[in-house]
Amino acid sequence: MICLGIDPSSTAVGLALIPLDDPKAARLHTVHPPKKEPGVKLDLPALTQSIVEEVVSWVGIAPDLVAIEEPFVEFPRAALPIAWICGGLAAAFSTAEVIVAPHASWKRALCGRGNPDARAIRMMLGAMGYMPDTEHEASALGVALWAIRRRHSE
């Protein structure tokens, strides 16, 4: 059984692929979509397609469980692109169980509080033996570990 954790964003998408029988064998990756040219309207279908294609190619298999971090939108203009990306990824892995990981829930499960910063998250993952290269990979890993624990507690 395989779990895919996703940290969605229009600027970088963090991924964590974890075999449930060997969580230490996690693979981590960050997808960097093409940058929008100044003055050019954002092509949401093309952006979504490029991200989904790269994610599916990197994953390479059909995961059993997909956990997508609840979208957090700091800037209102980012809401629509993130919604497209989340929808595209959920559709791409529709044969899996797809769940949404609320920010406070997975962060509390990992760090003991619902609002740790990126540094605290990476420190906790480091203490567990994981070394994510980016904060997006760290979030994706935290989301995936939360989903696995949630699955085992049901």
C-alpha atoms as a PDB file:
ATOM      1  CA  MET A   1       0.000   0.000   0.000  1.00  0.00           C
ATOM      2  CA  ILE A   2       1.293   3.462  -0.972  1.00  0.00           C
ATOM      3  CA  CYS A   3       0.383   6.937   0.307  1.00  0.00           C
ATOM      4  CA  LEU A   4       0.964  10.123  -1.672  1.00  0.00           C
ATOM      5  CA  GLY A   5       1.070  13.378   0.295  1.00  0.00           C
ATOM      6  CA  ILE A   6       0.623  16.619  -1.642  1.00  0.00           C
ATOM      7  CA  ASP A   7       1.301  20.234  -0.653  1.00  0.00           C
ATOM      8  CA  PRO A   8      -0.485  22.186  -3.417  1.00  0.00           C
ATOM      9  CA  SER A   9       0.595  25.614  -4.592  1.00  0.00           C
ATOM     10  CA  SER A  10       0.702  27.503  -7.874  1.00  0.00           C
ATOM     11  CA  THR A  11       4.440  28.171  -7.415  1.00  0.00           C
ATOM     12  CA  ALA A  12       5.688  24.799  -6.077  1.00  0.00           C
ATOM     13  CA  VAL A  13       3.967  21.490  -5.333  1.00  0.00           C
ATOM     14  CA  GLY A  14       5.523  19.291  -2.659  1.00  0.00           C
ATOM     15  CA  LEU A  15       5.186  15.512  -2.968  1.00  0.00           C
ATOM     16  CA  ALA A  16       5.869  12.645  -0.572  1.00  0.00           C
ATOM     17  CA  LEU A  17       5.388   9.037  -1.668  1.00  0.00           C
ATOM     18  CA  ILE A  18       5.444   6.629   1.261  1.00  0.00           C
ATOM     19  CA  PRO A  19       5.112   2.833   1.225  1.00  0.00           C
ATOM     20  CA  LEU A  20       2.973   2.025   4.264  1.00  0.00           C
ATOM     21  CA  ASP A  21       5.051  -1.063   5.056  1.00  0.00           C
ATOM     22  CA  ASP A  22       8.312   0.983   5.090  1.00  0.00           C
ATOM     23  CA  PRO A  23       7.696   4.687   5.886  1.00  0.00           C
ATOM     24  CA  LYS A  24      11.447   5.405   6.039  1.00  0.00           C
ATOM     25  CA  ALA A  25      11.630   4.596   2.293  1.00  0.00           C
ATOM     26  CA  ALA A  26       9.733   7.799   1.501  1.00  0.00           C
ATOM     27  CA  ARG A  27      10.521   9.561  -1.775  1.00  0.00           C
ATOM     28  CA  LEU A  28      10.244  13.359  -1.833  1.00  0.00           C
ATOM     29  CA  HIS A  29      10.006  15.768  -4.741  1.00  0.00           C
ATOM     30  CA  THR A  30       9.052  19.358  -5.544  1.00  0.00           C
ATOM     31  CA  VAL A  31       7.349  20.283  -8.812  1.00  0.00           C
ATOM     32  CA  HIS A  32       8.111  23.799 -10.040  1.00  0.00           C
ATOM     33  CA  PRO A  33       5.483  24.833 -12.608  1.00  0.00           C
ATOM     34  CA  PRO A  34       6.426  27.249 -15.379  1.00  0.00           C
ATOM     35  CA  LYS A  35       6.516  30.860 -14.228  1.00  0.00           C
ATOM     36  CA  LYS A  36       3.831  33.221 -15.493  1.00  0.00           C
ATOM     37  CA  GLU A  37       5.127  35.939 -17.785  1.00  0.00           C
ATOM     38  CA  PRO A  38       4.366  39.476 -16.575  1.00  0.00           C
ATOM     39  CA  GLY A  39       1.377  40.969 -18.365  1.00  0.00           C
ATOM     40  CA  VAL A  40       0.235  37.592 -19.714  1.00  0.00           C
ATOM     41  CA  LYS A  41      -3.034  36.139 -18.435  1.00  0.00           C
ATOM     42  CA  LEU A  42      -2.607  32.919 -16.454  1.00  0.00           C
ATOM     43  CA  ASP A  43      -3.739  29.886 -18.456  1.00  0.00           C
ATOM     44  CA  LEU A  44      -5.252  27.778 -15.654  1.00  0.00           C
ATOM     45  CA  PRO A  45      -5.961  24.664 -17.747  1.00  0.00           C
ATOM     46  CA  ALA A  46      -2.389  24.637 -19.097  1.00  0.00           C
ATOM     47  CA  LEU A  47      -0.897  25.281 -15.629  1.00  0.00           C
ATOM     48  CA  THR A  48      -2.979  22.497 -14.099  1.00  0.00           C
ATOM     49  CA  GLN A  49      -2.178  20.074 -16.905  1.00  0.00           C
ATOM     50  CA  SER A  50       1.575  20.697 -16.664  1.00  0.00           C
ATOM     51  CA  ILE A  51       1.568  20.140 -12.889  1.00  0.00           C
ATOM     52  CA  VAL A  52      -0.650  17.046 -13.033  1.00  0.00           C
ATOM     53  CA  GLU A  53       1.439  15.494 -15.815  1.00  0.00           C
ATOM     54  CA  GLU A  54       4.701  16.034 -13.923  1.00  0.00           C
ATOM     55  CA  VAL A  55       3.234  14.693 -10.670  1.00  0.00           C
ATOM     56  CA  VAL A  56       1.775  11.586 -12.334  1.00  0.00           C
ATOM     57  CA  SER A  57       5.060  10.972 -14.163  1.00  0.00           C
ATOM     58  CA  TRP A  58       7.122  11.321 -10.988  1.00  0.00           C
ATOM     59  CA  VAL A  59       4.784   9.117  -8.912  1.00  0.00           C
ATOM     60  CA  GLY A  60       4.839   6.410 -11.579  1.00  0.00           C
ATOM     61  CA  ILE A  61       2.317   4.141  -9.826  1.00  0.00           C
ATOM     62  CA  ALA A  62      -1.256   4.290  -8.598  1.00  0.00           C
ATOM     63  CA  PRO A  63      -1.187   5.150  -4.875  1.00  0.00           C
ATOM     64  CA  ASP A  64      -3.840   3.658  -2.596  1.00  0.00           C
ATOM     65  CA  LEU A  65      -4.208   6.758  -0.461  1.00  0.00           C
ATOM     66  CA  VAL A  66      -3.757  10.401  -1.530  1.00  0.00           C
ATOM     67  CA  ALA A  67      -3.708  13.150   1.074  1.00  0.00           C
ATOM     68  CA  ILE A  68      -3.899  16.715  -0.213  1.00  0.00           C
ATOM     69  CA  GLU A  69      -3.152  19.518   2.219  1.00  0.00           C
ATOM     70  CA  GLU A  70      -6.137  21.786   2.675  1.00  0.00           C
ATOM     71  CA  PRO A  71      -5.465  24.782   0.434  1.00  0.00           C
ATOM     72  CA  PHE A  72      -4.174  27.793   2.289  1.00  0.00           C
ATOM     73  CA  VAL A  73      -4.563  31.000   0.374  1.00  0.00           C
ATOM     74  CA  GLU A  74      -2.608  33.977   1.647  1.00  0.00           C
ATOM     75  CA  PHE A  75      -3.388  36.079  -1.417  1.00  0.00           C
ATOM     76  CA  PRO A  76      -6.935  36.026  -2.878  1.00  0.00           C
ATOM     77  CA  ARG A  77      -5.582  35.906  -6.459  1.00  0.00           C
ATOM     78  CA  ALA A  78      -3.999  32.527  -5.670  1.00  0.00           C
ATOM     79  CA  ALA A  79      -7.296  30.872  -4.690  1.00  0.00           C
ATOM     80  CA  LEU A  80      -8.470  29.961  -8.179  1.00  0.00           C
ATOM     81  CA  PRO A  81      -5.153  28.493  -9.427  1.00  0.00           C
ATOM     82  CA  ILE A  82      -4.805  26.408  -6.252  1.00  0.00           C
ATOM     83  CA  ALA A  83      -8.401  25.173  -6.603  1.00  0.00           C
ATOM     84  CA  TRP A  84      -7.688  24.099 -10.207  1.00  0.00           C
ATOM     85  CA  ILE A  85      -4.488  22.344  -9.147  1.00  0.00           C
ATOM     86  CA  CYS A  86      -6.157  20.497  -6.253  1.00  0.00           C
ATOM     87  CA  GLY A  87      -9.047  19.432  -8.485  1.00  0.00           C
ATOM     88  CA  GLY A  88      -6.710  18.249 -11.235  1.00  0.00           C
ATOM     89  CA  LEU A  89      -4.618  16.215  -8.810  1.00  0.00           C
ATOM     90  CA  ALA A  90      -7.675  14.695  -7.112  1.00  0.00           C
ATOM     91  CA  ALA A  91      -9.038  13.695 -10.532  1.00  0.00           C
ATOM     92  CA  ALA A  92      -5.681  12.258 -11.639  1.00  0.00           C
ATOM     93  CA  PHE A  93      -5.642   9.925  -8.635  1.00  0.00           C
ATOM     94  CA  SER A  94      -9.386   9.244  -8.487  1.00  0.00           C
ATOM     95  CA  THR A  95      -8.877   5.473  -8.205  1.00  0.00           C
ATOM     96  CA  ALA A  96      -7.282   6.073  -4.778  1.00  0.00           C
ATOM     97  CA  GLU A  97      -8.912   7.147  -1.557  1.00  0.00           C
ATOM     98  CA  VAL A  98      -8.430  10.947  -1.636  1.00  0.00           C
ATOM     99  CA  ILE A  99      -8.632  12.899   1.606  1.00  0.00           C
ATOM    100  CA  VAL A 100      -8.025  16.528   2.538  1.00  0.00           C
ATOM    101  CA  ALA A 101      -5.647  17.184   5.418  1.00  0.00           C
ATOM    102  CA  PRO A 102      -6.654  20.243   7.469  1.00  0.00           C
ATOM    103  CA  HIS A 103      -3.633  22.417   8.360  1.00  0.00           C
ATOM    104  CA  ALA A 104      -4.114  22.400  12.098  1.00  0.00           C
ATOM    105  CA  SER A 105      -4.820  18.645  12.242  1.00  0.00           C
ATOM    106  CA  TRP A 106      -1.694  17.366  10.519  1.00  0.00           C
ATOM    107  CA  LYS A 107       0.538  20.009  12.109  1.00  0.00           C
ATOM    108  CA  ARG A 108      -0.805  19.215  15.589  1.00  0.00           C
ATOM    109  CA  ALA A 109      -0.290  15.490  14.991  1.00  0.00           C
ATOM    110  CA  LEU A 110       3.295  16.089  13.865  1.00  0.00           C
ATOM    111  CA  CYS A 111       4.462  18.897  16.167  1.00  0.00           C
ATOM    112  CA  GLY A 112       2.011  18.909  19.058  1.00  0.00           C
ATOM    113  CA  ARG A 113       0.482  22.269  18.129  1.00  0.00           C
ATOM    114  CA  GLY A 114      -1.641  23.497  15.255  1.00  0.00           C
ATOM    115  CA  ASN A 115       0.449  26.436  14.085  1.00  0.00           C
ATOM    116  CA  PRO A 116       4.161  25.512  13.906  1.00  0.00           C
ATOM    117  CA  ASP A 117       6.316  27.362  11.400  1.00  0.00           C
ATOM    118  CA  ALA A 118       8.172  25.673   8.546  1.00  0.00           C
ATOM    119  CA  ARG A 119      11.371  25.440  10.609  1.00  0.00           C
ATOM    120  CA  ALA A 120       9.633  23.574  13.452  1.00  0.00           C
ATOM    121  CA  ILE A 121       8.054  21.161  10.974  1.00  0.00           C
ATOM    122  CA  ARG A 122      11.415  20.414   9.344  1.00  0.00           C
ATOM    123  CA  MET A 123      13.063  19.975  12.766  1.00  0.00           C
ATOM    124  CA  MET A 124      10.412  17.453  13.838  1.00  0.00           C
ATOM    125  CA  LEU A 125      10.734  15.534  10.568  1.00  0.00           C
ATOM    126  CA  GLY A 126      14.531  15.586  10.971  1.00  0.00           C
ATOM    127  CA  ALA A 127      14.163  14.090  14.452  1.00  0.00           C
ATOM    128  CA  MET A 128      12.139  11.304  12.805  1.00  0.00           C
ATOM    129  CA  GLY A 129      14.949  10.637  10.309  1.00  0.00           C
ATOM    130  CA  TYR A 130      13.539  12.513   7.307  1.00  0.00           C
ATOM    131  CA  MET A 131      15.433  15.244   5.478  1.00  0.00           C
ATOM    132  CA  PRO A 132      13.125  17.130   3.097  1.00  0.00           C
ATOM    133  CA  ASP A 133      14.907  19.577   0.786  1.00  0.00           C
ATOM    134  CA  THR A 134      12.099  22.146   0.669  1.00  0.00           C
ATOM    135  CA  GLU A 135       9.293  23.321   2.940  1.00  0.00           C
ATOM    136  CA  HIS A 136       6.863  22.021   0.305  1.00  0.00           C
ATOM    137  CA  GLU A 137       8.348  18.528   0.601  1.00  0.00           C
ATOM    138  CA  ALA A 138       8.211  18.843   4.407  1.00  0.00           C
ATOM    139  CA  SER A 139       4.514  19.755   4.282  1.00  0.00           C
ATOM    140  CA  ALA A 140       3.740  16.930   1.837  1.00  0.00           C
ATOM    141  CA  LEU A 141       5.554  14.482   4.112  1.00  0.00           C
ATOM    142  CA  GLY A 142       3.709  15.739   7.191  1.00  0.00           C
ATOM    143  CA  VAL A 143       0.397  15.427   5.353  1.00  0.00           C
ATOM    144  CA  ALA A 144       1.208  11.865   4.231  1.00  0.00           C
ATOM    145  CA  LEU A 145       2.306  10.764   7.718  1.00  0.00           C
ATOM    146  CA  TRP A 146      -0.895  12.259   9.174  1.00  0.00           C
ATOM    147  CA  ALA A 147      -2.995  10.370   6.603  1.00  0.00           C
ATOM    148  CA  ILE A 148      -1.227   7.086   7.363  1.00  0.00           C
ATOM    149  CA  ARG A 149      -1.781   7.506  11.123  1.00  0.00           C
ATOM    150  CA  ARG A 150      -5.401   8.439  10.481  1.00  0.00           C
ATOM    151  CA  ARG A 151      -5.880   5.350   8.302  1.00  0.00           C
ATOM    152  CA  HIS A 152      -4.363   3.055  10.963  1.00  0.00           C
ATOM    153  CA  SER A 153      -6.519   4.519  13.744  1.00  0.00           C
ATOM    154  CA  GLU A 154      -9.803   3.855  11.903  1.00  0.00           C
END
